Amino acid sequence: MRRKPRSTEASFAVLHTHCAALDVHKDSIMACALTPGEGGEPRSEVRQSGATTGELEALGRWLLERGVAHGKRQRAGAGGRGDKVDGIRHQAVAGDA
């Protein structure tokens, strides 16, 4: 008897329609904003930022302009979890130091 092929498409519950992933380093931050695109399909935009106060404020404005209020970060180094930076609530992801 032949088995039915398994679907490779995953199904996820949408918790936040506007969110971001942040890769935080000592001197730079990479941000990927995920927002609804045409037809409800996810749209991603990537931006690199420096780590000065002005650059972080500009990155925060860029994210807020896209409606992003939640994000996940992967950081290099130690620090607190569940921080709030420039109005964006973000949580550390598994594997943080």
N, C-alpha and C. Protein backbone atom coordinates (compact mmCIF):
# COMPACT_ATOMS: atom_id res chain seq x y z
N MET A 1 0.84 -1.17 0.00
CA MET A 1 0.00 0.00 0.00
C MET A 1 0.90 1.25 0.00
N ARG A 2 0.62 2.20 -0.86
CA ARG A 2 1.40 3.43 -0.96
C ARG A 2 0.95 4.41 0.12
N ARG A 3 1.95 5.04 0.71
CA ARG A 3 1.63 6.05 1.71
C ARG A 3 1.50 7.41 1.05
N LYS A 4 0.62 8.18 1.60
CA LYS A 4 0.41 9.54 1.11
C LYS A 4 1.64 10.39 1.45
N PRO A 5 2.16 11.18 0.49
CA PRO A 5 3.33 12.01 0.81
C PRO A 5 3.01 13.03 1.89
N ARG A 6 3.99 13.27 2.75
CA ARG A 6 3.81 14.24 3.82
C ARG A 6 3.94 15.64 3.27
N SER A 7 3.14 16.52 3.78
CA SER A 7 3.19 17.92 3.38
C SER A 7 4.44 18.56 3.96
N THR A 8 5.12 19.37 3.16
CA THR A 8 6.30 20.08 3.65
C THR A 8 5.94 21.48 4.12
N GLU A 9 4.70 21.87 3.94
CA GLU A 9 4.27 23.20 4.35
C GLU A 9 3.87 23.18 5.82
N ALA A 10 4.46 24.07 6.61
CA ALA A 10 4.14 24.15 8.03
C ALA A 10 3.00 25.13 8.25
N SER A 11 2.28 24.91 9.31
CA SER A 11 1.18 25.79 9.67
C SER A 11 1.50 26.41 11.03
N PHE A 12 1.42 27.74 11.10
CA PHE A 12 1.71 28.45 12.33
C PHE A 12 0.56 29.36 12.69
N ALA A 13 0.34 29.52 13.98
CA ALA A 13 -0.65 30.49 14.44
C ALA A 13 0.00 31.87 14.42
N VAL A 14 -0.71 32.86 13.94
CA VAL A 14 -0.19 34.23 13.90
C VAL A 14 -0.43 34.87 15.25
N LEU A 15 0.66 35.24 15.93
CA LEU A 15 0.55 35.91 17.22
C LEU A 15 0.65 37.42 17.06
N HIS A 16 1.51 37.87 16.14
CA HIS A 16 1.70 39.29 15.89
C HIS A 16 1.82 39.48 14.38
N THR A 17 1.00 40.33 13.80
CA THR A 17 1.07 40.56 12.35
C THR A 17 2.22 41.47 11.96
N HIS A 18 2.69 42.27 12.89
CA HIS A 18 3.80 43.18 12.65
C HIS A 18 4.87 42.89 13.71
N CYS A 19 5.99 42.30 13.30
CA CYS A 19 7.02 41.94 14.27
C CYS A 19 8.39 42.05 13.62
N ALA A 20 9.44 41.86 14.40
CA ALA A 20 10.80 41.98 13.89
C ALA A 20 11.72 40.99 14.58
N ALA A 21 12.76 40.60 13.87
CA ALA A 21 13.85 39.82 14.43
C ALA A 21 15.06 40.75 14.48
N LEU A 22 15.72 40.79 15.61
CA LEU A 22 16.87 41.66 15.79
C LEU A 22 18.10 40.83 16.13
N ASP A 23 19.17 41.02 15.37
CA ASP A 23 20.45 40.36 15.63
C ASP A 23 21.37 41.45 16.17
N VAL A 24 21.58 41.44 17.49
CA VAL A 24 22.26 42.53 18.18
C VAL A 24 23.70 42.15 18.47
N HIS A 25 24.61 43.01 18.05
CA HIS A 25 26.04 42.85 18.31
C HIS A 25 26.54 44.10 19.02
N LYS A 26 27.78 44.13 19.39
CA LYS A 26 28.35 45.27 20.11
C LYS A 26 28.26 46.56 19.30
N ASP A 27 28.60 46.49 18.02
CA ASP A 27 28.67 47.70 17.19
C ASP A 27 27.60 47.80 16.11
N SER A 28 26.76 46.80 15.98
CA SER A 28 25.76 46.84 14.90
C SER A 28 24.53 46.01 15.26
N ILE A 29 23.45 46.31 14.55
CA ILE A 29 22.20 45.58 14.72
C ILE A 29 21.61 45.34 13.34
N MET A 30 21.21 44.10 13.07
CA MET A 30 20.47 43.77 11.85
C MET A 30 19.03 43.56 12.27
N ALA A 31 18.12 44.21 11.56
CA ALA A 31 16.70 44.08 11.87
C ALA A 31 15.96 43.60 10.64
N CYS A 32 15.06 42.65 10.83
CA CYS A 32 14.19 42.17 9.77
C CYS A 32 12.75 42.40 10.24
N ALA A 33 12.05 43.32 9.59
CA ALA A 33 10.66 43.61 9.92
C ALA A 33 9.76 42.73 9.07
N LEU A 34 8.81 42.07 9.71
CA LEU A 34 7.85 41.21 9.03
C LEU A 34 6.46 41.81 9.20
N THR A 35 5.86 42.19 8.07
CA THR A 35 4.55 42.84 8.07
C THR A 35 3.66 42.20 7.01
N PRO A 36 2.35 42.41 7.08
CA PRO A 36 1.48 41.86 6.04
C PRO A 36 1.71 42.57 4.71
N GLY A 37 1.82 41.78 3.65
CA GLY A 37 1.95 42.33 2.31
C GLY A 37 0.64 42.16 1.56
N GLU A 38 0.75 42.22 0.24
CA GLU A 38 -0.45 42.05 -0.60
C GLU A 38 -1.05 40.68 -0.39
N GLY A 39 -2.36 40.64 -0.30
CA GLY A 39 -3.07 39.37 -0.14
C GLY A 39 -2.81 38.71 1.19
N GLY A 40 -2.27 39.45 2.16
CA GLY A 40 -2.01 38.87 3.47
C GLY A 40 -0.72 38.08 3.57
N GLU A 41 0.01 37.98 2.46
CA GLU A 41 1.29 37.26 2.49
C GLU A 41 2.32 38.08 3.28
N PRO A 42 3.18 37.42 4.05
CA PRO A 42 4.19 38.15 4.81
C PRO A 42 5.17 38.90 3.90
N ARG A 43 5.52 40.10 4.32
CA ARG A 43 6.50 40.92 3.61
C ARG A 43 7.64 41.20 4.58
N SER A 44 8.88 40.99 4.15
CA SER A 44 10.01 41.26 5.03
C SER A 44 10.89 42.36 4.46
N GLU A 45 11.40 43.19 5.36
CA GLU A 45 12.34 44.25 5.02
C GLU A 45 13.51 44.13 6.00
N VAL A 46 14.73 44.30 5.49
CA VAL A 46 15.92 44.17 6.33
C VAL A 46 16.64 45.51 6.36
N ARG A 47 17.12 45.85 7.55
CA ARG A 47 17.88 47.09 7.71
C ARG A 47 19.01 46.86 8.70
N GLN A 48 20.18 47.44 8.39
CA GLN A 48 21.33 47.36 9.29
C GLN A 48 21.48 48.71 9.98
N SER A 49 21.85 48.68 11.24
CA SER A 49 22.01 49.90 12.03
C SER A 49 23.28 49.81 12.83
N GLY A 50 23.83 50.98 13.13
CA GLY A 50 24.93 51.05 14.09
C GLY A 50 24.35 50.99 15.49
N ALA A 51 25.21 51.14 16.49
CA ALA A 51 24.77 50.99 17.87
C ALA A 51 24.83 52.28 18.67
N THR A 52 25.02 53.43 18.00
CA THR A 52 24.99 54.69 18.73
C THR A 52 23.55 55.05 19.07
N THR A 53 23.39 55.96 20.01
CA THR A 53 22.04 56.36 20.43
C THR A 53 21.21 56.85 19.24
N GLY A 54 21.78 57.73 18.42
CA GLY A 54 21.05 58.26 17.26
C GLY A 54 20.67 57.16 16.27
N GLU A 55 21.57 56.22 16.04
CA GLU A 55 21.28 55.12 15.10
C GLU A 55 20.20 54.19 15.65
N LEU A 56 20.23 53.95 16.96
CA LEU A 56 19.20 53.10 17.57
C LEU A 56 17.84 53.79 17.54
N GLU A 57 17.82 55.10 17.77
CA GLU A 57 16.56 55.84 17.70
C GLU A 57 16.00 55.80 16.28
N ALA A 58 16.88 55.94 15.28
CA ALA A 58 16.44 55.88 13.88
C ALA A 58 15.89 54.49 13.55
N LEU A 59 16.54 53.44 14.06
CA LEU A 59 16.06 52.08 13.83
C LEU A 59 14.70 51.89 14.50
N GLY A 60 14.55 52.40 15.72
CA GLY A 60 13.26 52.32 16.41
C GLY A 60 12.16 53.02 15.63
N ARG A 61 12.45 54.21 15.08
CA ARG A 61 11.47 54.92 14.26
C ARG A 61 11.12 54.12 13.01
N TRP A 62 12.13 53.52 12.36
CA TRP A 62 11.92 52.71 11.15
C TRP A 62 10.97 51.55 11.46
N LEU A 63 11.18 50.89 12.59
CA LEU A 63 10.32 49.77 12.97
C LEU A 63 8.90 50.25 13.31
N LEU A 64 8.79 51.34 14.06
CA LEU A 64 7.47 51.86 14.42
C LEU A 64 6.71 52.34 13.19
N GLU A 65 7.40 52.91 12.19
CA GLU A 65 6.74 53.32 10.95
C GLU A 65 6.10 52.14 10.23
N ARG A 66 6.63 50.95 10.46
CA ARG A 66 6.09 49.74 9.85
C ARG A 66 5.08 49.05 10.75
N GLY A 67 4.76 49.67 11.88
CA GLY A 67 3.77 49.11 12.79
C GLY A 67 4.32 48.02 13.68
N VAL A 68 5.64 47.89 13.77
CA VAL A 68 6.25 46.83 14.57
C VAL A 68 6.30 47.27 16.03
N ALA A 69 5.68 46.46 16.88
CA ALA A 69 5.70 46.73 18.32
C ALA A 69 6.27 45.56 19.10
N HIS A 70 6.56 44.44 18.42
CA HIS A 70 7.10 43.24 19.07
C HIS A 70 8.26 42.72 18.24
N GLY A 71 9.27 42.20 18.93
CA GLY A 71 10.40 41.63 18.22
C GLY A 71 11.10 40.57 19.03
N LYS A 72 11.92 39.80 18.37
CA LYS A 72 12.77 38.80 19.02
C LYS A 72 14.20 39.16 18.68
N ARG A 73 15.08 38.95 19.63
CA ARG A 73 16.47 39.27 19.36
C ARG A 73 17.37 38.09 19.67
N GLN A 74 18.46 38.04 18.98
CA GLN A 74 19.53 37.12 19.30
C GLN A 74 20.74 37.98 19.54
N ARG A 75 21.25 37.94 20.73
CA ARG A 75 22.32 38.84 21.12
C ARG A 75 23.63 38.11 21.28
N ALA A 76 24.70 38.86 21.05
CA ALA A 76 26.03 38.39 21.41
C ALA A 76 26.31 38.97 22.80
N GLY A 77 26.70 38.15 23.75
CA GLY A 77 27.01 38.66 25.08
C GLY A 77 25.87 38.46 26.06
N ALA A 78 26.10 38.91 27.28
CA ALA A 78 25.12 38.72 28.36
C ALA A 78 24.26 39.95 28.53
N GLY A 79 23.17 39.79 29.23
CA GLY A 79 22.29 40.93 29.49
C GLY A 79 20.94 40.46 29.95
N GLY A 80 20.06 41.41 30.24
CA GLY A 80 18.72 41.08 30.72
C GLY A 80 17.83 40.57 29.60
N ARG A 81 16.73 39.99 29.98
CA ARG A 81 15.75 39.48 29.01
C ARG A 81 14.48 40.29 29.13
N GLY A 82 13.77 40.43 28.03
CA GLY A 82 12.51 41.14 28.06
C GLY A 82 12.69 42.64 28.13
N ASP A 83 13.73 43.16 27.50
CA ASP A 83 14.01 44.60 27.52
C ASP A 83 13.05 45.35 26.61
N LYS A 84 13.00 46.66 26.80
CA LYS A 84 12.22 47.53 25.94
C LYS A 84 13.19 48.60 25.43
N VAL A 85 13.36 48.68 24.13
CA VAL A 85 14.28 49.64 23.54
C VAL A 85 13.52 50.50 22.54
N ASP A 86 13.58 51.82 22.72
CA ASP A 86 12.94 52.77 21.81
C ASP A 86 11.47 52.41 21.53
N GLY A 87 10.75 51.96 22.55
CA GLY A 87 9.33 51.68 22.40
C GLY A 87 9.01 50.31 21.81
N ILE A 88 10.03 49.54 21.42
CA ILE A 88 9.82 48.22 20.84
C ILE A 88 10.05 47.17 21.94
N ARG A 89 9.03 46.41 22.24
CA ARG A 89 9.17 45.33 23.22
C ARG A 89 9.79 44.14 22.53
N HIS A 90 10.88 43.62 23.09
CA HIS A 90 11.52 42.46 22.47
C HIS A 90 11.99 41.48 23.52
N GLN A 91 12.02 40.23 23.15
CA GLN A 91 12.43 39.15 24.03
C GLN A 91 13.66 38.46 23.45
N ALA A 92 14.51 37.98 24.32
CA ALA A 92 15.66 37.20 23.87
C ALA A 92 15.18 35.84 23.38
N VAL A 93 15.84 35.31 22.36
CA VAL A 93 15.49 33.98 21.86
C VAL A 93 16.39 32.93 22.48
N ALA A 94 15.98 31.68 22.41
CA ALA A 94 16.77 30.59 22.97
C ALA A 94 18.17 30.62 22.39
N GLY A 95 19.16 30.33 23.21
CA GLY A 95 20.53 30.31 22.76
C GLY A 95 21.29 31.57 23.13
N ASP A 96 20.61 32.55 23.72
CA ASP A 96 21.31 33.74 24.17
C ASP A 96 22.22 33.39 25.33
N ALA A 97 23.26 34.16 25.44
CA ALA A 97 24.20 33.95 26.56
C ALA A 97 23.62 34.57 27.82
